[in-house]
Amino acid sequence: MAYDAPKQYSPTLSVFKRLQLAIKLHWYKFITSVFIKVLHLPGIRDNSTLPTFTKVYPCQPTLTNRVFVPKSWKSGDALLPLYIDIHGGGFALMSPTSDDKFCSYFSNTNKILVISLDYPKSPQYQFPVPVEAVVDLVNAVLQDEALPFDKNKVAIGGFSAGANLTLAVSQHESLQGKIKGAVPYYPPVDFTTPIAISMASRPEDAGPDMIEAGAPMFNFGYIPPGQDLRDPLLSVAYAPRERLPPKLYIIGCAHDLLCRDAEIMAKKFANVEDTADTTWEKNCVKWEKILGEIHAFDVYPSFGAVKIRRDKRRLEMHESVAEWLFREVYS
């Protein structure tokens, strides 16, 4: 894909540094897999959030995707709007099961068909393999006549790494004109920005950032050595606006080091002059900065008053997205 930004390449790390990061990433993957297995043990797993069914497409036979049909929908009813979800996890961790709570809630509350896609994980599969896999799956979903959705009402969204993939796959030639709206939640959008710059951009009252220590590990896993960091399929902030869905709702968290780049990207796509407003909507782009919250606040373990606050903001965030989808994308 042609683009105007000058190239900037990822560094070639020493053998020792690569080994160090590889061991650390595989350890994180192991711990995460154990944690997920524990969460799915009988008596712990919340069966009320399970998908209606799962589906594997021949184009990506090793990936299992989760389909959520709203419980109020019955055969013969009008076709449903479609929302395609892509989970987060630094391109290396988690699976579609991690988004079951969101997908089940979003489907049943808003009467939307939600499909949660899987993708190959790093470091075994580096950029652009996950992008290409999700492109295959989105096309398979859109061509699936067994699914009860209106092809004129299609949106895609994701969290963190999944938000990056949301904007990456939307640029693909095969999907032009097919996806009407995109919702990237707290996305990484520019891999050229030094961590120190991103950290310095946060409010003075922001505490430690969980991404700061993990970013080198996740970047090592996902980005091949010598990769152009300004490739718009990787650093999606460099994407040509016309290649993206016509409607965008971009969400950042003020205490997240990724927020600054996401806000700059939103303003660029909307052709908005610098503004201190935390929420605005212009030229088919909506931006929302959630004050006082960290990356992935909506799923990060919390307790007491912090949990009450985050639960409230999580619901407000998803309600705002649903309102926007039905007003701008599904209307």
C-alpha atoms as a PDB file:
ATOM      1  CA  MET A   1       0.000   0.000   0.000  1.00  0.00           C
ATOM      2  CA  ALA A   2       1.426   3.370  -0.973  1.00  0.00           C
ATOM      3  CA  TYR A   3       1.721   6.103   1.648  1.00  0.00           C
ATOM      4  CA  ASP A   4       3.594   9.356   2.096  1.00  0.00           C
ATOM      5  CA  ALA A   5       5.226   9.050   5.533  1.00  0.00           C
ATOM      6  CA  PRO A   6       9.027   8.622   5.466  1.00  0.00           C
ATOM      7  CA  LYS A   7      10.198   5.181   6.496  1.00  0.00           C
ATOM      8  CA  GLN A   8      11.442   4.496  10.018  1.00  0.00           C
ATOM      9  CA  TYR A   9      12.696   1.012  10.733  1.00  0.00           C
ATOM     10  CA  SER A  10      12.484  -1.107  13.861  1.00  0.00           C
ATOM     11  CA  PRO A  11      15.893  -1.692  15.474  1.00  0.00           C
ATOM     12  CA  THR A  12      17.829  -4.913  15.144  1.00  0.00           C
ATOM     13  CA  LEU A  13      18.380  -6.121  18.708  1.00  0.00           C
ATOM     14  CA  SER A  14      21.334  -8.080  20.004  1.00  0.00           C
ATOM     15  CA  VAL A  15      21.018 -11.840  20.352  1.00  0.00           C
ATOM     16  CA  PHE A  16      21.090 -11.496  24.145  1.00  0.00           C
ATOM     17  CA  LYS A  17      18.324  -8.870  24.180  1.00  0.00           C
ATOM     18  CA  ARG A  18      16.151 -10.910  21.818  1.00  0.00           C
ATOM     19  CA  LEU A  19      16.605 -13.987  23.995  1.00  0.00           C
ATOM     20  CA  GLN A  20      15.757 -12.001  27.120  1.00  0.00           C
ATOM     21  CA  LEU A  21      12.571 -10.593  25.595  1.00  0.00           C
ATOM     22  CA  ALA A  22      11.568 -13.959  24.125  1.00  0.00           C
ATOM     23  CA  ILE A  23      11.849 -15.686  27.507  1.00  0.00           C
ATOM     24  CA  LYS A  24       9.873 -12.915  29.182  1.00  0.00           C
ATOM     25  CA  LEU A  25       7.112 -13.013  26.541  1.00  0.00           C
ATOM     26  CA  HIS A  26       6.771 -16.799  26.658  1.00  0.00           C
ATOM     27  CA  TRP A  27       6.570 -16.605  30.456  1.00  0.00           C
ATOM     28  CA  TYR A  28       3.775 -14.041  30.189  1.00  0.00           C
ATOM     29  CA  LYS A  29       1.978 -16.274  27.693  1.00  0.00           C
ATOM     30  CA  PHE A  30       2.271 -19.268  30.028  1.00  0.00           C
ATOM     31  CA  ILE A  31       0.980 -17.373  33.066  1.00  0.00           C
ATOM     32  CA  THR A  32      -1.892 -15.921  31.042  1.00  0.00           C
ATOM     33  CA  SER A  33      -2.907 -19.336  29.701  1.00  0.00           C
ATOM     34  CA  VAL A  34      -2.962 -20.771  33.229  1.00  0.00           C
ATOM     35  CA  PHE A  35      -5.023 -17.815  34.476  1.00  0.00           C
ATOM     36  CA  ILE A  36      -7.551 -18.260  31.651  1.00  0.00           C
ATOM     37  CA  LYS A  37      -7.867 -21.990  32.377  1.00  0.00           C
ATOM     38  CA  VAL A  38      -8.566 -21.223  36.033  1.00  0.00           C
ATOM     39  CA  LEU A  39     -11.253 -18.717  35.072  1.00  0.00           C
ATOM     40  CA  HIS A  40     -12.966 -21.413  33.007  1.00  0.00           C
ATOM     41  CA  LEU A  41     -13.091 -24.007  35.782  1.00  0.00           C
ATOM     42  CA  PRO A  42     -16.580 -25.197  36.829  1.00  0.00           C
ATOM     43  CA  GLY A  43     -17.975 -22.937  39.500  1.00  0.00           C
ATOM     44  CA  ILE A  44     -15.835 -20.006  38.386  1.00  0.00           C
ATOM     45  CA  ARG A  45     -16.854 -19.643  34.757  1.00  0.00           C
ATOM     46  CA  ASP A  46     -19.885 -17.373  34.197  1.00  0.00           C
ATOM     47  CA  ASN A  47     -21.935 -19.502  31.820  1.00  0.00           C
ATOM     48  CA  SER A  48     -24.409 -16.690  31.231  1.00  0.00           C
ATOM     49  CA  THR A  49     -21.865 -14.968  28.981  1.00  0.00           C
ATOM     50  CA  LEU A  50     -21.138 -17.955  26.737  1.00  0.00           C
ATOM     51  CA  PRO A  51     -21.607 -17.449  22.983  1.00  0.00           C
ATOM     52  CA  THR A  52     -24.598 -18.841  21.128  1.00  0.00           C
ATOM     53  CA  PHE A  53     -22.175 -21.020  19.168  1.00  0.00           C
ATOM     54  CA  THR A  54     -18.606 -21.072  17.876  1.00  0.00           C
ATOM     55  CA  LYS A  55     -17.510 -21.209  14.267  1.00  0.00           C
ATOM     56  CA  VAL A  56     -14.374 -22.112  12.329  1.00  0.00           C
ATOM     57  CA  TYR A  57     -13.911 -20.867   8.769  1.00  0.00           C
ATOM     58  CA  PRO A  58     -11.888 -22.862   6.185  1.00  0.00           C
ATOM     59  CA  CYS A  59      -9.754 -19.802   5.383  1.00  0.00           C
ATOM     60  CA  GLN A  60      -8.291 -19.935   8.936  1.00  0.00           C
ATOM     61  CA  PRO A  61      -8.985 -23.498  10.149  1.00  0.00           C
ATOM     62  CA  THR A  62      -6.924 -23.185  13.357  1.00  0.00           C
ATOM     63  CA  LEU A  63      -8.899 -20.207  14.676  1.00  0.00           C
ATOM     64  CA  THR A  64     -12.194 -20.566  16.552  1.00  0.00           C
ATOM     65  CA  ASN A  65     -14.531 -17.581  16.526  1.00  0.00           C
ATOM     66  CA  ARG A  66     -17.421 -16.887  18.889  1.00  0.00           C
ATOM     67  CA  VAL A  67     -20.895 -15.887  17.704  1.00  0.00           C
ATOM     68  CA  PHE A  68     -23.354 -14.043  19.953  1.00  0.00           C
ATOM     69  CA  VAL A  69     -26.945 -13.928  18.718  1.00  0.00           C
ATOM     70  CA  PRO A  70     -29.160 -11.770  20.955  1.00  0.00           C
ATOM     71  CA  LYS A  71     -31.443 -13.941  23.053  1.00  0.00           C
ATOM     72  CA  SER A  72     -34.474 -11.886  22.046  1.00  0.00           C
ATOM     73  CA  TRP A  73     -33.937 -12.603  18.328  1.00  0.00           C
ATOM     74  CA  LYS A  74     -35.874 -15.426  16.687  1.00  0.00           C
ATOM     75  CA  SER A  75     -35.782 -16.923  13.228  1.00  0.00           C
ATOM     76  CA  GLY A  76     -37.958 -14.847  10.929  1.00  0.00           C
ATOM     77  CA  ASP A  77     -37.183 -11.576  12.712  1.00  0.00           C
ATOM     78  CA  ALA A  78     -35.545  -8.716  10.825  1.00  0.00           C
ATOM     79  CA  LEU A  79     -31.864  -9.099  10.044  1.00  0.00           C
ATOM     80  CA  LEU A  80     -29.546  -7.796  12.764  1.00  0.00           C
ATOM     81  CA  PRO A  81     -26.832  -5.151  12.703  1.00  0.00           C
ATOM     82  CA  LEU A  82     -23.372  -6.742  12.862  1.00  0.00           C
ATOM     83  CA  TYR A  83     -20.517  -5.845  15.182  1.00  0.00           C
ATOM     84  CA  ILE A  84     -17.197  -7.645  14.711  1.00  0.00           C
ATOM     85  CA  ASP A  85     -15.045  -7.692  17.862  1.00  0.00           C
ATOM     86  CA  ILE A  86     -11.264  -8.188  18.057  1.00  0.00           C
ATOM     87  CA  HIS A  87      -9.765  -8.877  21.483  1.00  0.00           C
ATOM     88  CA  GLY A  88      -6.639  -7.312  22.957  1.00  0.00           C
ATOM     89  CA  GLY A  89      -3.548  -8.744  24.619  1.00  0.00           C
ATOM     90  CA  GLY A  90      -0.475  -7.114  23.107  1.00  0.00           C
ATOM     91  CA  PHE A  91      -0.852  -9.248  19.926  1.00  0.00           C
ATOM     92  CA  ALA A  92       0.481 -12.153  22.019  1.00  0.00           C
ATOM     93  CA  LEU A  93      -1.941 -12.955  24.838  1.00  0.00           C
ATOM     94  CA  MET A  94      -5.589 -13.786  25.456  1.00  0.00           C
ATOM     95  CA  SER A  95      -8.251 -15.193  23.133  1.00  0.00           C
ATOM     96  CA  PRO A  96     -11.809 -14.315  22.065  1.00  0.00           C
ATOM     97  CA  THR A  97     -13.067 -15.843  25.328  1.00  0.00           C
ATOM     98  CA  SER A  98     -11.625 -12.830  27.158  1.00  0.00           C
ATOM     99  CA  ASP A  99     -14.279 -10.636  25.518  1.00  0.00           C
ATOM    100  CA  ASP A 100     -17.248 -12.907  26.285  1.00  0.00           C
ATOM    101  CA  LYS A 101     -18.631 -10.590  28.964  1.00  0.00           C
ATOM    102  CA  PHE A 102     -18.539  -7.581  26.659  1.00  0.00           C
ATOM    103  CA  CYS A 103     -19.825  -9.444  23.594  1.00  0.00           C
ATOM    104  CA  SER A 104     -22.715 -11.072  25.454  1.00  0.00           C
ATOM    105  CA  TYR A 105     -23.707  -7.771  27.068  1.00  0.00           C
ATOM    106  CA  PHE A 106     -23.379  -5.765  23.861  1.00  0.00           C
ATOM    107  CA  SER A 107     -25.357  -8.287  21.810  1.00  0.00           C
ATOM    108  CA  ASN A 108     -28.233  -8.807  24.222  1.00  0.00           C
ATOM    109  CA  THR A 109     -28.555  -5.211  25.418  1.00  0.00           C
ATOM    110  CA  ASN A 110     -28.590  -3.685  21.940  1.00  0.00           C
ATOM    111  CA  LYS A 111     -29.955  -6.570  19.831  1.00  0.00           C
ATOM    112  CA  ILE A 112     -26.821  -6.795  17.677  1.00  0.00           C
ATOM    113  CA  LEU A 113     -25.173  -9.862  16.169  1.00  0.00           C
ATOM    114  CA  VAL A 114     -21.663  -9.843  17.665  1.00  0.00           C
ATOM    115  CA  ILE A 115     -18.867 -12.030  16.333  1.00  0.00           C
ATOM    116  CA  SER A 116     -15.623 -12.228  18.293  1.00  0.00           C
ATOM    117  CA  LEU A 117     -12.679 -13.143  16.075  1.00  0.00           C
ATOM    118  CA  ASP A 118      -9.440 -14.877  16.916  1.00  0.00           C
ATOM    119  CA  TYR A 119      -6.054 -14.222  15.291  1.00  0.00           C
ATOM    120  CA  PRO A 120      -2.583 -15.835  15.298  1.00  0.00           C
ATOM    121  CA  LYS A 121      -0.460 -14.654  18.220  1.00  0.00           C
ATOM    122  CA  SER A 122       3.086 -13.406  18.418  1.00  0.00           C
ATOM    123  CA  PRO A 123       5.919 -14.204  18.637  1.00  0.00           C
ATOM    124  CA  GLN A 124       5.163 -17.278  16.533  1.00  0.00           C
ATOM    125  CA  TYR A 125       3.240 -15.062  14.107  1.00  0.00           C
ATOM    126  CA  GLN A 126       4.506 -11.541  13.562  1.00  0.00           C
ATOM    127  CA  PHE A 127       3.173  -8.599  11.580  1.00  0.00           C
ATOM    128  CA  PRO A 128       1.533  -8.725   9.075  1.00  0.00           C
ATOM    129  CA  VAL A 129       0.297 -12.313   9.588  1.00  0.00           C
ATOM    130  CA  PRO A 130      -2.384 -11.433  12.197  1.00  0.00           C
ATOM    131  CA  VAL A 131      -3.656  -8.593   9.988  1.00  0.00           C
ATOM    132  CA  GLU A 132      -3.979 -10.921   7.009  1.00  0.00           C
ATOM    133  CA  ALA A 133      -5.716 -13.584   9.106  1.00  0.00           C
ATOM    134  CA  VAL A 134      -8.316 -11.133  10.404  1.00  0.00           C
ATOM    135  CA  VAL A 135      -8.911  -9.828   6.863  1.00  0.00           C
ATOM    136  CA  ASP A 136      -9.629 -13.418   5.820  1.00  0.00           C
ATOM    137  CA  LEU A 137     -12.020 -13.919   8.722  1.00  0.00           C
ATOM    138  CA  VAL A 138     -13.885 -10.647   8.237  1.00  0.00           C
ATOM    139  CA  ASN A 139     -14.429 -11.509   4.577  1.00  0.00           C
ATOM    140  CA  ALA A 140     -15.594 -14.988   5.565  1.00  0.00           C
ATOM    141  CA  VAL A 141     -18.081 -13.524   8.037  1.00  0.00           C
ATOM    142  CA  LEU A 142     -19.417 -11.030   5.501  1.00  0.00           C
ATOM    143  CA  GLN A 143     -19.912 -13.847   2.982  1.00  0.00           C
ATOM    144  CA  ASP A 144     -21.558 -16.191   5.488  1.00  0.00           C
ATOM    145  CA  GLU A 145     -25.179 -16.493   4.413  1.00  0.00           C
ATOM    146  CA  ALA A 146     -26.027 -18.542   7.511  1.00  0.00           C
ATOM    147  CA  LEU A 147     -25.579 -15.521   9.768  1.00  0.00           C
ATOM    148  CA  PRO A 148     -28.665 -13.298  10.228  1.00  0.00           C
ATOM    149  CA  PHE A 149     -27.182  -9.835   9.661  1.00  0.00           C
ATOM    150  CA  ASP A 150     -27.818  -6.883   7.377  1.00  0.00           C
ATOM    151  CA  LYS A 151     -24.794  -6.338   5.108  1.00  0.00           C
ATOM    152  CA  ASN A 152     -25.567  -2.622   5.063  1.00  0.00           C
ATOM    153  CA  LYS A 153     -25.137  -2.435   8.844  1.00  0.00           C
ATOM    154  CA  VAL A 154     -21.606  -3.620   9.569  1.00  0.00           C
ATOM    155  CA  ALA A 155     -19.216  -2.236  12.173  1.00  0.00           C
ATOM    156  CA  ILE A 156     -15.925  -3.458  13.570  1.00  0.00           C
ATOM    157  CA  GLY A 157     -14.200  -2.710  16.860  1.00  0.00           C
ATOM    158  CA  GLY A 158     -11.553  -3.920  19.224  1.00  0.00           C
ATOM    159  CA  PHE A 159      -9.617  -3.342  22.409  1.00  0.00           C
ATOM    160  CA  SER A 160      -5.950  -2.340  22.598  1.00  0.00           C
ATOM    161  CA  ALA A 161      -4.084  -4.603  20.136  1.00  0.00           C
ATOM    162  CA  GLY A 162      -7.497  -5.531  18.743  1.00  0.00           C
ATOM    163  CA  ALA A 163      -8.178  -1.832  18.209  1.00  0.00           C
ATOM    164  CA  ASN A 164      -4.980  -1.576  16.174  1.00  0.00           C
ATOM    165  CA  LEU A 165      -6.059  -4.583  14.109  1.00  0.00           C
ATOM    166  CA  THR A 166      -9.491  -2.987  13.671  1.00  0.00           C
ATOM    167  CA  LEU A 167      -7.977  -0.023  11.852  1.00  0.00           C
ATOM    168  CA  ALA A 168      -5.401  -2.138  10.029  1.00  0.00           C
ATOM    169  CA  VAL A 169      -7.780  -4.666   8.447  1.00  0.00           C
ATOM    170  CA  SER A 170     -10.294  -1.952   7.552  1.00  0.00           C
ATOM    171  CA  GLN A 171      -7.755  -0.576   5.064  1.00  0.00           C
ATOM    172  CA  HIS A 172      -7.670  -3.771   3.001  1.00  0.00           C
ATOM    173  CA  GLU A 173      -8.791  -3.533  -0.600  1.00  0.00           C
ATOM    174  CA  SER A 174     -11.228  -6.438  -0.246  1.00  0.00           C
ATOM    175  CA  LEU A 175     -13.106  -4.644   2.552  1.00  0.00           C
ATOM    176  CA  GLN A 176     -13.465  -1.212   1.004  1.00  0.00           C
ATOM    177  CA  GLY A 177     -17.082  -0.037   1.224  1.00  0.00           C
ATOM    178  CA  LYS A 178     -18.180  -3.031   3.299  1.00  0.00           C
ATOM    179  CA  ILE A 179     -17.481  -1.774   6.834  1.00  0.00           C
ATOM    180  CA  LYS A 180     -19.483   1.326   7.737  1.00  0.00           C
ATOM    181  CA  GLY A 181     -17.960   2.154  11.114  1.00  0.00           C
ATOM    182  CA  ALA A 182     -15.056   1.313  13.421  1.00  0.00           C
ATOM    183  CA  VAL A 183     -14.649   1.585  17.198  1.00  0.00           C
ATOM    184  CA  PRO A 184     -11.028   1.321  18.383  1.00  0.00           C
ATOM    185  CA  TYR A 185     -10.870   1.285  22.198  1.00  0.00           C
ATOM    186  CA  TYR A 186      -7.560   2.642  23.583  1.00  0.00           C
ATOM    187  CA  PRO A 187      -5.524   1.662  20.498  1.00  0.00           C
ATOM    188  CA  PRO A 188      -1.763   1.663  19.940  1.00  0.00           C
ATOM    189  CA  VAL A 189      -1.502   3.710  16.749  1.00  0.00           C
ATOM    190  CA  ASP A 190       2.090   4.897  16.279  1.00  0.00           C
ATOM    191  CA  PHE A 191       5.057   2.636  17.015  1.00  0.00           C
ATOM    192  CA  THR A 192       7.532   5.429  16.208  1.00  0.00           C
ATOM    193  CA  THR A 193       6.742   7.387  19.383  1.00  0.00           C
ATOM    194  CA  PRO A 194       9.343   6.860  22.132  1.00  0.00           C
ATOM    195  CA  ILE A 195       7.909   5.515  25.388  1.00  0.00           C
ATOM    196  CA  ALA A 196       9.431   8.457  27.285  1.00  0.00           C
ATOM    197  CA  ILE A 197       7.465  10.930  25.153  1.00  0.00           C
ATOM    198  CA  SER A 198       4.244   9.012  25.671  1.00  0.00           C
ATOM    199  CA  MET A 199       4.811   8.820  29.423  1.00  0.00           C
ATOM    200  CA  ALA A 200       5.551  12.534  29.632  1.00  0.00           C
ATOM    201  CA  SER A 201       2.273  13.333  27.874  1.00  0.00           C
ATOM    202  CA  ARG A 202       0.145  11.869  30.677  1.00  0.00           C
ATOM    203  CA  PRO A 203      -1.411  14.021  33.426  1.00  0.00           C
ATOM    204  CA  GLU A 204       0.739  14.759  36.457  1.00  0.00           C
ATOM    205  CA  ASP A 205      -1.533  12.716  38.717  1.00  0.00           C
ATOM    206  CA  ALA A 206      -1.260   9.588  36.576  1.00  0.00           C
ATOM    207  CA  GLY A 207       0.351   6.685  38.412  1.00  0.00           C
ATOM    208  CA  PRO A 208       2.484   3.883  36.992  1.00  0.00           C
ATOM    209  CA  ASP A 209       1.555   2.676  33.503  1.00  0.00           C
ATOM    210  CA  MET A 210       1.401  -1.088  33.019  1.00  0.00           C
ATOM    211  CA  ILE A 211       2.335  -0.712  29.341  1.00  0.00           C
ATOM    212  CA  GLU A 212       5.629   1.046  30.049  1.00  0.00           C
ATOM    213  CA  ALA A 213       7.479  -2.079  31.169  1.00  0.00           C
ATOM    214  CA  GLY A 214       5.739  -4.464  28.772  1.00  0.00           C
ATOM    215  CA  ALA A 215       5.932  -2.437  25.551  1.00  0.00           C
ATOM    216  CA  PRO A 216       9.459  -3.553  24.529  1.00  0.00           C
ATOM    217  CA  MET A 217       8.449  -7.201  25.028  1.00  0.00           C
ATOM    218  CA  PHE A 218       5.213  -6.954  23.069  1.00  0.00           C
ATOM    219  CA  ASN A 219       6.817  -4.879  20.309  1.00  0.00           C
ATOM    220  CA  PHE A 220       9.634  -7.421  20.002  1.00  0.00           C
ATOM    221  CA  GLY A 221       7.073 -10.211  19.664  1.00  0.00           C
ATOM    222  CA  TYR A 222       4.900  -8.538  17.045  1.00  0.00           C
ATOM    223  CA  ILE A 223       7.225  -6.376  14.944  1.00  0.00           C
ATOM    224  CA  PRO A 224       9.848  -8.093  12.757  1.00  0.00           C
ATOM    225  CA  PRO A 225      13.401  -6.690  12.761  1.00  0.00           C
ATOM    226  CA  GLY A 226      13.869  -4.030  10.106  1.00  0.00           C
ATOM    227  CA  GLN A 227      10.113  -3.449   9.754  1.00  0.00           C
ATOM    228  CA  ASP A 228       9.038   0.010   8.600  1.00  0.00           C
ATOM    229  CA  LEU A 229       7.309   1.357  11.710  1.00  0.00           C
ATOM    230  CA  ARG A 230       5.328   3.844   9.627  1.00  0.00           C
ATOM    231  CA  ASP A 231       3.607   1.192   7.561  1.00  0.00           C
ATOM    232  CA  PRO A 232      -0.072   2.176   7.969  1.00  0.00           C
ATOM    233  CA  LEU A 233      -1.059  -1.442   8.573  1.00  0.00           C
ATOM    234  CA  LEU A 234       1.170  -1.349  11.656  1.00  0.00           C
ATOM    235  CA  SER A 235       1.149   2.269  12.814  1.00  0.00           C
ATOM    236  CA  VAL A 236      -2.430   2.923  11.824  1.00  0.00           C
ATOM    237  CA  ALA A 237      -2.114   6.666  12.517  1.00  0.00           C
ATOM    238  CA  TYR A 238      -0.473   6.882   9.069  1.00  0.00           C
ATOM    239  CA  ALA A 239      -3.440   5.290   7.296  1.00  0.00           C
ATOM    240  CA  PRO A 240      -5.028   7.314   4.485  1.00  0.00           C
ATOM    241  CA  ARG A 241      -8.381   8.488   5.834  1.00  0.00           C
ATOM    242  CA  GLU A 242     -10.181   7.377   2.692  1.00  0.00           C
ATOM    243  CA  ARG A 243      -9.082   3.769   3.251  1.00  0.00           C
ATOM    244  CA  LEU A 244     -10.808   3.578   6.631  1.00  0.00           C
ATOM    245  CA  PRO A 245     -14.518   3.150   7.381  1.00  0.00           C
ATOM    246  CA  PRO A 246     -16.498   6.372   6.859  1.00  0.00           C
ATOM    247  CA  LYS A 247     -17.454   6.617  10.550  1.00  0.00           C
ATOM    248  CA  LEU A 248     -14.957   6.343  13.418  1.00  0.00           C
ATOM    249  CA  TYR A 249     -15.389   6.444  17.192  1.00  0.00           C
ATOM    250  CA  ILE A 250     -11.948   6.498  18.843  1.00  0.00           C
ATOM    251  CA  ILE A 251     -11.642   6.089  22.609  1.00  0.00           C
ATOM    252  CA  GLY A 252      -8.619   6.847  24.768  1.00  0.00           C
ATOM    253  CA  CYS A 253      -7.892   6.743  28.492  1.00  0.00           C
ATOM    254  CA  ALA A 254      -6.233   9.854  29.918  1.00  0.00           C
ATOM    255  CA  HIS A 255      -3.770   7.953  32.157  1.00  0.00           C
ATOM    256  CA  ASP A 256      -2.780   5.588  29.320  1.00  0.00           C
ATOM    257  CA  LEU A 257       0.523   6.305  27.570  1.00  0.00           C
ATOM    258  CA  LEU A 258      -1.203   5.349  24.278  1.00  0.00           C
ATOM    259  CA  CYS A 259      -3.759   8.136  24.629  1.00  0.00           C
ATOM    260  CA  ARG A 260      -1.719  11.008  23.195  1.00  0.00           C
ATOM    261  CA  ASP A 261      -1.069   9.319  19.852  1.00  0.00           C
ATOM    262  CA  ALA A 262      -4.680   8.163  19.553  1.00  0.00           C
ATOM    263  CA  GLU A 263      -5.915  11.705  20.151  1.00  0.00           C
ATOM    264  CA  ILE A 264      -3.497  13.137  17.580  1.00  0.00           C
ATOM    265  CA  MET A 265      -4.713  10.527  15.091  1.00  0.00           C
ATOM    266  CA  ALA A 266      -8.375  11.318  15.767  1.00  0.00           C
ATOM    267  CA  LYS A 267      -7.780  15.020  15.183  1.00  0.00           C
ATOM    268  CA  LYS A 268      -5.913  14.288  11.953  1.00  0.00           C
ATOM    269  CA  PHE A 269      -8.658  12.040  10.605  1.00  0.00           C
ATOM    270  CA  ALA A 270     -11.335  14.605  11.523  1.00  0.00           C
ATOM    271  CA  ASN A 271      -9.286  17.607  10.356  1.00  0.00           C
ATOM    272  CA  VAL A 272      -9.824  19.178  13.775  1.00  0.00           C
ATOM    273  CA  GLU A 273      -7.691  22.031  15.063  1.00  0.00           C
ATOM    274  CA  ASP A 274      -6.065  21.586  18.456  1.00  0.00           C
ATOM    275  CA  THR A 275      -8.682  21.528  21.193  1.00  0.00           C
ATOM    276  CA  ALA A 276      -8.692  20.723  24.889  1.00  0.00           C
ATOM    277  CA  ASP A 277     -12.170  19.168  24.694  1.00  0.00           C
ATOM    278  CA  THR A 278     -12.176  15.615  26.010  1.00  0.00           C
ATOM    279  CA  THR A 279     -15.126  14.616  23.820  1.00  0.00           C
ATOM    280  CA  TRP A 280     -15.964  15.944  20.382  1.00  0.00           C
ATOM    281  CA  GLU A 281     -17.528  14.788  17.126  1.00  0.00           C
ATOM    282  CA  LYS A 282     -16.693  16.284  13.742  1.00  0.00           C
ATOM    283  CA  ASN A 283     -16.404  15.193  10.114  1.00  0.00           C
ATOM    284  CA  CYS A 284     -17.602  11.643  10.841  1.00  0.00           C
ATOM    285  CA  VAL A 285     -15.075  11.119  13.647  1.00  0.00           C
ATOM    286  CA  LYS A 286     -15.934  10.986  17.333  1.00  0.00           C
ATOM    287  CA  TRP A 287     -13.230  11.196  19.998  1.00  0.00           C
ATOM    288  CA  GLU A 288     -13.679  10.451  23.680  1.00  0.00           C
ATOM    289  CA  LYS A 289     -10.991  10.717  26.350  1.00  0.00           C
ATOM    290  CA  ILE A 290     -11.998   9.010  29.568  1.00  0.00           C
ATOM    291  CA  LEU A 291     -10.473  11.086  32.331  1.00  0.00           C
ATOM    292  CA  GLY A 292      -8.674   9.530  35.275  1.00  0.00           C
ATOM    293  CA  GLU A 293      -8.571   6.022  33.835  1.00  0.00           C
ATOM    294  CA  ILE A 294      -5.781   3.666  32.798  1.00  0.00           C
ATOM    295  CA  HIS A 295      -5.371   1.454  29.752  1.00  0.00           C
ATOM    296  CA  ALA A 296      -8.005  -1.313  29.753  1.00  0.00           C
ATOM    297  CA  PHE A 297      -9.627   0.116  32.884  1.00  0.00           C
ATOM    298  CA  ASP A 298     -12.855  -1.647  31.935  1.00  0.00           C
ATOM    299  CA  VAL A 299     -11.325  -5.113  32.444  1.00  0.00           C
ATOM    300  CA  TYR A 300      -8.461  -4.396  34.843  1.00  0.00           C
ATOM    301  CA  PRO A 301      -9.007  -6.005  38.281  1.00  0.00           C
ATOM    302  CA  SER A 302     -10.140  -3.419  40.828  1.00  0.00           C
ATOM    303  CA  PHE A 303     -11.892  -3.289  44.170  1.00  0.00           C
ATOM    304  CA  GLY A 304     -14.026  -1.074  46.380  1.00  0.00           C
ATOM    305  CA  ALA A 305     -14.726   2.475  45.258  1.00  0.00           C
ATOM    306  CA  VAL A 306     -12.382   2.127  42.266  1.00  0.00           C
ATOM    307  CA  LYS A 307     -14.338  -0.872  41.006  1.00  0.00           C
ATOM    308  CA  ILE A 308     -17.654   0.956  41.427  1.00  0.00           C
ATOM    309  CA  ARG A 309     -16.302   3.932  39.479  1.00  0.00           C
ATOM    310  CA  ARG A 310     -14.838   1.813  36.709  1.00  0.00           C
ATOM    311  CA  ASP A 311     -17.953  -0.340  36.358  1.00  0.00           C
ATOM    312  CA  LYS A 312     -20.026   2.821  35.953  1.00  0.00           C
ATOM    313  CA  ARG A 313     -17.671   4.304  33.377  1.00  0.00           C
ATOM    314  CA  ARG A 314     -17.464   1.005  31.496  1.00  0.00           C
ATOM    315  CA  LEU A 315     -21.239   0.894  31.105  1.00  0.00           C
ATOM    316  CA  GLU A 316     -21.342   4.565  30.112  1.00  0.00           C
ATOM    317  CA  MET A 317     -18.648   3.951  27.514  1.00  0.00           C
ATOM    318  CA  HIS A 318     -20.425   0.994  25.920  1.00  0.00           C
ATOM    319  CA  GLU A 319     -23.779   2.771  26.031  1.00  0.00           C
ATOM    320  CA  SER A 320     -22.223   5.742  24.249  1.00  0.00           C
ATOM    321  CA  VAL A 321     -20.767   3.445  21.578  1.00  0.00           C
ATOM    322  CA  ALA A 322     -24.133   1.746  21.048  1.00  0.00           C
ATOM    323  CA  GLU A 323     -25.925   5.100  20.752  1.00  0.00           C
ATOM    324  CA  TRP A 324     -23.353   6.260  18.190  1.00  0.00           C
ATOM    325  CA  LEU A 325     -23.560   3.027  16.190  1.00  0.00           C
ATOM    326  CA  PHE A 326     -27.328   3.208  15.816  1.00  0.00           C
ATOM    327  CA  ARG A 327     -27.191   6.921  15.016  1.00  0.00           C
ATOM    328  CA  GLU A 328     -24.244   6.965  12.625  1.00  0.00           C
ATOM    329  CA  VAL A 329     -23.598   3.456  11.337  1.00  0.00           C
ATOM    330  CA  TYR A 330     -26.745   1.330  11.605  1.00  0.00           C
ATOM    331  CA  SER A 331     -29.298   4.002  10.718  1.00  0.00           C
END
